[in-house]
Amino acid sequence: MAKKAPVTKTPFAKTAFTPQALLAKLKTQGLIINDDNTALKYIAYVGHFRLKGYWYQLQDSTTKNFLPNTTFEHVCQRYECDREIRAIIMESVERLEVAVRTVICNLLSLKYSPHWYLKTEIFAPRGKNGIGQMLSKIESEVDRAASRTYIKAYYDNYEDPYLPPSWAMSECVTLGTWSKIFAMLRDPTDRKVISSKFGITQVEVFESWLHTLTVLRNMAAHHDRFIDVKIGVSPTNLKLKNIKFANNKTVYASLTVIHILLNAIEFNGTFKKRLVSMEERYGAAHFQRMGFPERWKTEEKGW
């Protein structure tokens, strides 16, 4: 088989521009700027490149000129709506993350021992991404937290086992690690008891939803966009409760997962009210760009 000829790439030759120059360019592209000071503030402190993710859908794909009547305020509205969604996701997933690790720790500590996570026999093998990787990750995260009072107190008084009990360890590791711990548990009863605490009796659904929460949390923590994107994970439909998503990769599907789980632990608070308020302030069109059905508040399952 003949080898493909190497692709010749041109060196990067673009130069940086001042906020003022970038603003002038936007004007030549037809973007309506009603307040130069506000626009310059966003360009200087949010960034032209980041804002581009909120306006490229408002441009002609060929000329890059903005569609008629497109204003900078419209771009800002998209950005602020996205920022607010991100903040709600971070807050809500944090609540669920603490709940997940507490439920897992309580059950397994009582059943096996406070150091259940060192008992390799309670986990099913998963190859290179299995028990060894999990323990390595826990060791690393506990070591990073060595200066915390509760970790230091353990090592000041004990040397065996070589890691602290799970209730202390749980304060150090990430949601992604808890998602993997749940997925590796060998006993199906353990898995079902844990998932049932969150109102989910279909274990495979809860495993999928935990993975979804991990992806959402990472996206939010790294300031990814939620408007005009598809999530890189598809939460499984909860058929027993007739939760079936038209498109599982939408932000709407993932937010439905959060809403259902918050309801199950009775810590929902103002989650839905905040989303309703946002839709009223920013407009239904922004929510539809995240996959929300038109009558999601009154007719969709899970809400």
Protein backbone atom coordinates (compact mmCIF):
# COMPACT_ATOMS: atom_id res chain seq x y z
CA MET A 1 0.00 0.00 0.00
CA ALA A 2 1.47 3.30 -1.09
CA LYS A 3 2.17 5.85 1.60
CA LYS A 4 0.25 9.09 1.47
CA ALA A 5 2.26 12.13 0.57
CA PRO A 6 2.80 14.42 3.56
CA VAL A 7 0.48 17.39 3.70
CA THR A 8 2.26 20.70 3.34
CA LYS A 9 1.08 23.16 5.94
CA THR A 10 1.68 26.87 5.94
CA PRO A 11 3.31 28.52 8.96
CA PHE A 12 0.98 30.42 11.30
CA ALA A 13 1.30 34.07 10.35
CA LYS A 14 -1.59 35.83 12.07
CA THR A 15 -0.81 38.76 14.36
CA ALA A 16 -2.53 39.92 17.54
CA PHE A 17 -4.77 43.01 17.54
CA THR A 18 -5.72 45.48 20.24
CA PRO A 19 -9.32 45.45 21.52
CA GLN A 20 -9.86 48.71 19.65
CA ALA A 21 -8.68 47.19 16.37
CA LEU A 22 -10.83 44.10 16.90
CA LEU A 23 -13.86 46.29 17.59
CA ALA A 24 -13.22 48.24 14.40
CA LYS A 25 -13.05 44.97 12.45
CA LEU A 26 -16.39 43.81 13.88
CA LYS A 27 -17.96 47.06 12.71
CA THR A 28 -16.64 46.54 9.18
CA GLN A 29 -18.25 43.08 9.26
CA GLY A 30 -21.63 44.67 9.95
CA LEU A 31 -22.01 44.06 13.67
CA ILE A 32 -24.07 46.86 15.21
CA ILE A 33 -22.27 48.39 18.21
CA ASN A 34 -24.50 50.66 20.29
CA ASP A 35 -22.01 51.15 23.12
CA ASP A 36 -18.29 51.08 22.32
CA ASN A 37 -17.25 51.08 25.98
CA THR A 38 -19.31 47.98 26.79
CA ALA A 39 -18.06 46.19 23.68
CA LEU A 40 -14.45 47.02 24.50
CA LYS A 41 -14.93 45.77 28.06
CA TYR A 42 -16.17 42.40 26.81
CA ILE A 43 -13.41 42.11 24.22
CA ALA A 44 -10.74 43.04 26.78
CA TYR A 45 -11.95 40.91 29.68
CA VAL A 46 -13.92 38.08 28.05
CA GLY A 47 -11.91 37.88 24.86
CA HIS A 48 -12.58 38.22 21.15
CA PHE A 49 -11.83 34.54 20.52
CA ARG A 50 -14.15 33.35 23.29
CA LEU A 51 -16.97 35.66 22.15
CA LYS A 52 -16.56 34.30 18.64
CA GLY A 53 -18.15 31.08 19.87
CA TYR A 54 -21.34 33.03 20.53
CA TRP A 55 -21.50 35.01 17.28
CA TYR A 56 -20.29 32.71 14.52
CA GLN A 57 -23.86 31.40 14.01
CA LEU A 58 -24.88 35.01 13.34
CA GLN A 59 -22.47 35.40 10.43
CA ASP A 60 -22.65 34.54 6.76
CA SER A 61 -20.51 31.41 6.46
CA THR A 62 -18.88 32.66 3.25
CA THR A 63 -18.31 36.38 3.76
CA LYS A 64 -18.09 36.30 7.58
CA ASN A 65 -20.25 39.40 7.62
CA PHE A 66 -22.91 39.54 10.31
CA LEU A 67 -26.52 38.92 9.43
CA PRO A 68 -28.68 42.07 9.15
CA ASN A 69 -29.65 43.76 12.45
CA THR A 70 -27.20 41.71 14.54
CA THR A 71 -26.12 43.70 17.59
CA PHE A 72 -23.30 43.25 20.09
CA GLU A 73 -25.97 43.18 22.80
CA HIS A 74 -27.35 40.02 21.22
CA VAL A 75 -23.92 38.41 21.45
CA CYS A 76 -23.57 39.49 25.09
CA GLN A 77 -26.99 38.06 25.89
CA ARG A 78 -25.93 34.67 24.53
CA TYR A 79 -22.73 34.82 26.52
CA GLU A 80 -24.42 35.80 29.79
CA CYS A 81 -27.13 33.14 29.38
CA ASP A 82 -24.44 30.52 28.85
CA ARG A 83 -22.44 31.76 31.83
CA GLU A 84 -25.50 31.55 34.08
CA ILE A 85 -26.31 28.01 32.90
CA ARG A 86 -22.72 27.02 33.66
CA ALA A 87 -22.96 28.40 37.19
CA ILE A 88 -26.22 26.51 37.85
CA ILE A 89 -24.65 23.29 36.59
CA MET A 90 -21.57 23.70 38.80
CA GLU A 91 -23.68 24.34 41.88
CA SER A 92 -26.09 21.48 41.21
CA VAL A 93 -23.48 18.88 40.30
CA GLU A 94 -21.54 19.79 43.45
CA ARG A 95 -24.63 18.93 45.49
CA LEU A 96 -24.99 15.60 43.69
CA GLU A 97 -21.28 14.80 43.87
CA VAL A 98 -21.30 15.10 47.67
CA ALA A 99 -24.45 12.97 47.84
CA VAL A 100 -22.97 10.24 45.62
CA ARG A 101 -19.76 9.88 47.57
CA THR A 102 -21.59 9.96 50.90
CA VAL A 103 -24.05 7.24 49.88
CA ILE A 104 -21.28 5.02 48.52
CA CYS A 105 -19.05 5.53 51.56
CA ASN A 106 -21.84 4.90 54.07
CA LEU A 107 -22.99 1.67 52.45
CA LEU A 108 -19.58 0.15 51.75
CA SER A 109 -18.00 1.24 55.05
CA LEU A 110 -20.77 -0.46 57.02
CA LYS A 111 -20.76 -3.59 54.85
CA TYR A 112 -17.01 -4.14 54.33
CA SER A 113 -14.87 -1.73 56.42
CA PRO A 114 -13.91 1.95 56.50
CA HIS A 115 -11.12 1.00 54.08
CA TRP A 116 -13.39 -0.86 51.66
CA TYR A 117 -11.69 0.75 48.65
CA LEU A 118 -8.50 -1.20 49.45
CA LYS A 119 -10.36 -4.51 49.20
CA THR A 120 -9.75 -5.49 45.60
CA GLU A 121 -12.14 -8.43 45.84
CA ILE A 122 -15.21 -6.15 45.90
CA PHE A 123 -14.34 -4.75 42.47
CA ALA A 124 -14.65 -6.38 39.07
CA PRO A 125 -11.50 -6.31 36.87
CA ARG A 126 -11.50 -3.65 34.16
CA GLY A 127 -8.08 -4.11 32.60
CA LYS A 128 -5.70 -1.16 32.54
CA ASN A 129 -8.51 1.24 33.51
CA GLY A 130 -9.49 -0.82 36.53
CA ILE A 131 -8.53 -1.21 40.17
CA GLY A 132 -4.88 -0.29 39.80
CA GLN A 133 -5.66 2.97 38.06
CA MET A 134 -8.34 3.76 40.64
CA LEU A 135 -5.95 3.25 43.57
CA SER A 136 -3.22 5.22 41.84
CA LYS A 137 -5.63 8.12 41.36
CA ILE A 138 -6.75 7.98 45.00
CA GLU A 139 -3.15 7.85 46.24
CA SER A 140 -2.28 10.88 44.13
CA GLU A 141 -5.28 12.93 45.27
CA VAL A 142 -4.77 12.06 48.96
CA ASP A 143 -1.10 13.02 48.65
CA ARG A 144 -2.08 16.38 47.15
CA ALA A 145 -4.35 16.92 50.17
CA ALA A 146 -1.65 15.98 52.70
CA SER A 147 -1.72 19.42 54.35
CA ARG A 148 -5.45 19.26 55.12
CA THR A 149 -6.15 18.84 58.83
CA TYR A 150 -8.06 15.56 58.61
CA ILE A 151 -5.47 13.90 56.35
CA LYS A 152 -2.57 15.08 58.49
CA ALA A 153 -4.36 13.88 61.63
CA TYR A 154 -4.66 10.37 60.19
CA TYR A 155 -0.96 10.10 59.35
CA ASP A 156 0.05 11.64 62.67
CA ASN A 157 -1.70 8.77 64.43
CA TYR A 158 -1.74 5.81 62.04
CA GLU A 159 0.42 4.14 59.45
CA ASP A 160 -1.69 1.10 58.64
CA PRO A 161 -3.62 1.04 56.36
CA TYR A 162 -1.44 3.35 54.32
CA LEU A 163 -4.43 5.47 53.21
CA PRO A 164 -7.09 7.13 55.40
CA PRO A 165 -10.62 5.77 55.89
CA SER A 166 -13.06 6.33 53.04
CA TRP A 167 -14.91 9.21 54.71
CA ALA A 168 -11.63 11.18 54.73
CA MET A 169 -10.51 9.90 51.33
CA SER A 170 -13.85 10.95 49.85
CA GLU A 171 -13.07 14.61 50.47
CA CYS A 172 -10.04 14.37 48.19
CA VAL A 173 -11.06 12.55 45.02
CA THR A 174 -13.08 13.69 42.04
CA LEU A 175 -16.55 12.84 40.80
CA GLY A 176 -14.95 11.00 37.90
CA THR A 177 -13.30 8.63 40.37
CA TRP A 178 -16.62 7.98 42.12
CA SER A 179 -18.24 7.26 38.78
CA LYS A 180 -15.56 4.65 38.07
CA ILE A 181 -15.82 3.17 41.57
CA PHE A 182 -19.54 2.63 41.10
CA ALA A 183 -19.02 1.10 37.66
CA MET A 184 -16.43 -1.38 39.02
CA LEU A 185 -18.39 -2.66 42.02
CA ARG A 186 -18.69 -6.42 41.68
CA ASP A 187 -21.81 -7.09 43.74
CA PRO A 188 -24.96 -6.10 41.78
CA THR A 189 -26.80 -5.67 45.09
CA ASP A 190 -24.35 -2.96 46.18
CA ARG A 191 -24.88 -1.16 42.90
CA LYS A 192 -28.66 -1.39 43.11
CA VAL A 193 -28.82 -0.19 46.72
CA ILE A 194 -26.70 2.84 45.81
CA SER A 195 -28.66 3.74 42.66
CA SER A 196 -31.97 3.27 44.47
CA LYS A 197 -30.97 6.00 46.92
CA PHE A 198 -31.27 8.32 43.93
CA GLY A 199 -34.61 6.95 42.79
CA ILE A 200 -33.06 4.86 40.00
CA THR A 201 -33.60 1.09 40.11
CA GLN A 202 -32.05 0.52 36.68
CA VAL A 203 -28.37 0.30 37.61
CA GLU A 204 -27.13 0.79 34.05
CA VAL A 205 -29.08 4.06 33.88
CA PHE A 206 -27.53 5.38 37.09
CA GLU A 207 -24.06 4.43 35.85
CA SER A 208 -24.71 6.36 32.63
CA TRP A 209 -26.05 9.34 34.55
CA LEU A 210 -23.02 9.44 36.85
CA HIS A 211 -20.80 9.58 33.78
CA THR A 212 -22.97 12.38 32.40
CA LEU A 213 -22.57 14.39 35.62
CA THR A 214 -18.79 13.95 35.40
CA VAL A 215 -18.70 15.28 31.84
CA LEU A 216 -20.97 18.21 32.73
CA ARG A 217 -18.87 19.09 35.76
CA ASN A 218 -15.65 19.03 33.73
CA MET A 219 -17.19 21.14 30.98
CA ALA A 220 -18.40 23.73 33.46
CA ALA A 221 -15.10 23.79 35.36
CA HIS A 222 -13.20 24.44 32.12
CA HIS A 223 -15.61 27.16 30.98
CA ASP A 224 -16.91 25.25 27.98
CA ARG A 225 -19.97 26.54 26.12
CA PHE A 226 -23.41 25.02 26.64
CA ILE A 227 -25.28 27.02 24.01
CA ASP A 228 -25.10 25.60 20.47
CA VAL A 229 -23.17 22.47 21.51
CA LYS A 230 -23.83 18.77 21.83
CA ILE A 231 -22.65 17.09 25.01
CA GLY A 232 -20.04 14.40 24.42
CA VAL A 233 -22.04 11.83 26.35
CA SER A 234 -25.56 10.42 26.02
CA PRO A 235 -27.43 9.80 29.30
CA THR A 236 -29.45 6.59 29.02
CA ASN A 237 -33.24 6.88 28.86
CA LEU A 238 -35.03 6.04 32.11
CA LYS A 239 -37.72 3.90 30.52
CA LEU A 240 -39.32 2.79 33.79
CA LYS A 241 -40.34 6.40 34.40
CA ASN A 242 -40.99 7.11 30.72
CA ILE A 243 -37.99 9.46 30.46
CA LYS A 244 -37.07 9.29 26.78
CA PHE A 245 -34.99 12.03 25.17
CA ALA A 246 -35.49 13.01 21.55
CA ASN A 247 -31.75 13.72 21.47
CA ASN A 248 -29.68 12.39 24.37
CA LYS A 249 -26.70 14.63 23.59
CA THR A 250 -28.52 17.91 24.20
CA VAL A 251 -27.89 20.13 27.21
CA TYR A 252 -31.60 19.73 27.92
CA ALA A 253 -31.21 15.96 28.40
CA SER A 254 -28.35 16.46 30.86
CA LEU A 255 -30.22 19.15 32.80
CA THR A 256 -33.20 16.79 33.05
CA VAL A 257 -30.88 14.22 34.63
CA ILE A 258 -29.75 16.78 37.22
CA HIS A 259 -33.35 17.77 37.98
CA ILE A 260 -34.48 14.17 38.52
CA LEU A 261 -31.53 13.32 40.77
CA LEU A 262 -31.91 16.49 42.86
CA ASN A 263 -35.58 15.66 43.35
CA ALA A 264 -34.69 12.14 44.47
CA ILE A 265 -32.40 13.37 47.27
CA GLU A 266 -34.87 16.16 48.15
CA PHE A 267 -32.29 18.90 47.63
CA ASN A 268 -33.79 20.37 44.47
CA GLY A 269 -34.15 23.84 45.92
CA THR A 270 -34.70 26.39 43.15
CA PHE A 271 -33.24 24.48 40.19
CA LYS A 272 -36.32 24.55 37.97
CA LYS A 273 -37.37 28.02 39.13
CA ARG A 274 -33.97 29.41 38.14
CA LEU A 275 -34.21 27.88 34.68
CA VAL A 276 -37.75 29.21 34.23
CA SER A 277 -36.55 32.66 35.29
CA MET A 278 -33.67 32.47 32.83
CA GLU A 279 -35.96 31.51 29.97
CA GLU A 280 -38.18 34.49 30.78
CA ARG A 281 -35.22 36.88 30.90
CA TYR A 282 -33.21 35.62 27.94
CA GLY A 283 -35.98 34.27 25.76
CA ALA A 284 -37.11 30.79 24.73
CA ALA A 285 -34.90 30.87 21.63
CA HIS A 286 -31.77 30.57 23.76
CA PHE A 287 -33.20 27.54 25.53
CA GLN A 288 -34.20 25.91 22.27
CA ARG A 289 -30.56 26.20 21.19
CA MET A 290 -29.79 23.92 24.15
CA GLY A 291 -32.42 21.40 23.08
CA PHE A 292 -35.28 22.46 25.34
CA PRO A 293 -38.70 21.52 23.90
CA GLU A 294 -41.18 24.37 23.61
CA ARG A 295 -43.39 23.15 26.48
CA TRP A 296 -40.72 21.60 28.67
CA LYS A 297 -42.02 23.25 31.87
CA THR A 298 -45.50 21.68 31.69
CA GLU A 299 -45.49 18.67 29.38
CA GLU A 300 -42.11 16.93 29.50
CA LYS A 301 -41.41 13.97 31.81
CA GLY A 302 -38.83 14.67 34.50
CA TRP A 303 -39.96 18.25 35.06
